[in-house]
């Protein structure tokens, strides 16, 4: 059987860093739901059920939406640091206009 994230033993080792609570699989380190490829590997090895996979995906979508909203709010309140502006100018060139794909904000470098 082919897996997305290593061998069966490596995936089982990864699962030691996860937990299933109320039918939702999440990482112990940060409480976030793993990405689909890892959930699919857990399912293939019988470490979680199809129901757990489906509930976990739904929870991850809520987590991601919340994270993006926090990011948008942070950018509204804090803008961009001098270091971030320097890095963007280095990557895209001075005088370029870039767009933040999450906020829609246009940033002149």
Foldseek 3Di string as FASTA:
>chain_A
DDADPDDLVVLVVQCVQWDADPLEIAGVVPRAGDDLRSVVSCCVVVVHDPSSSVVHVVVNVVVVVVVLVVVLVCCVVPPDDPVRVVVCCVVPNAQDWDADPSNRDIDHD
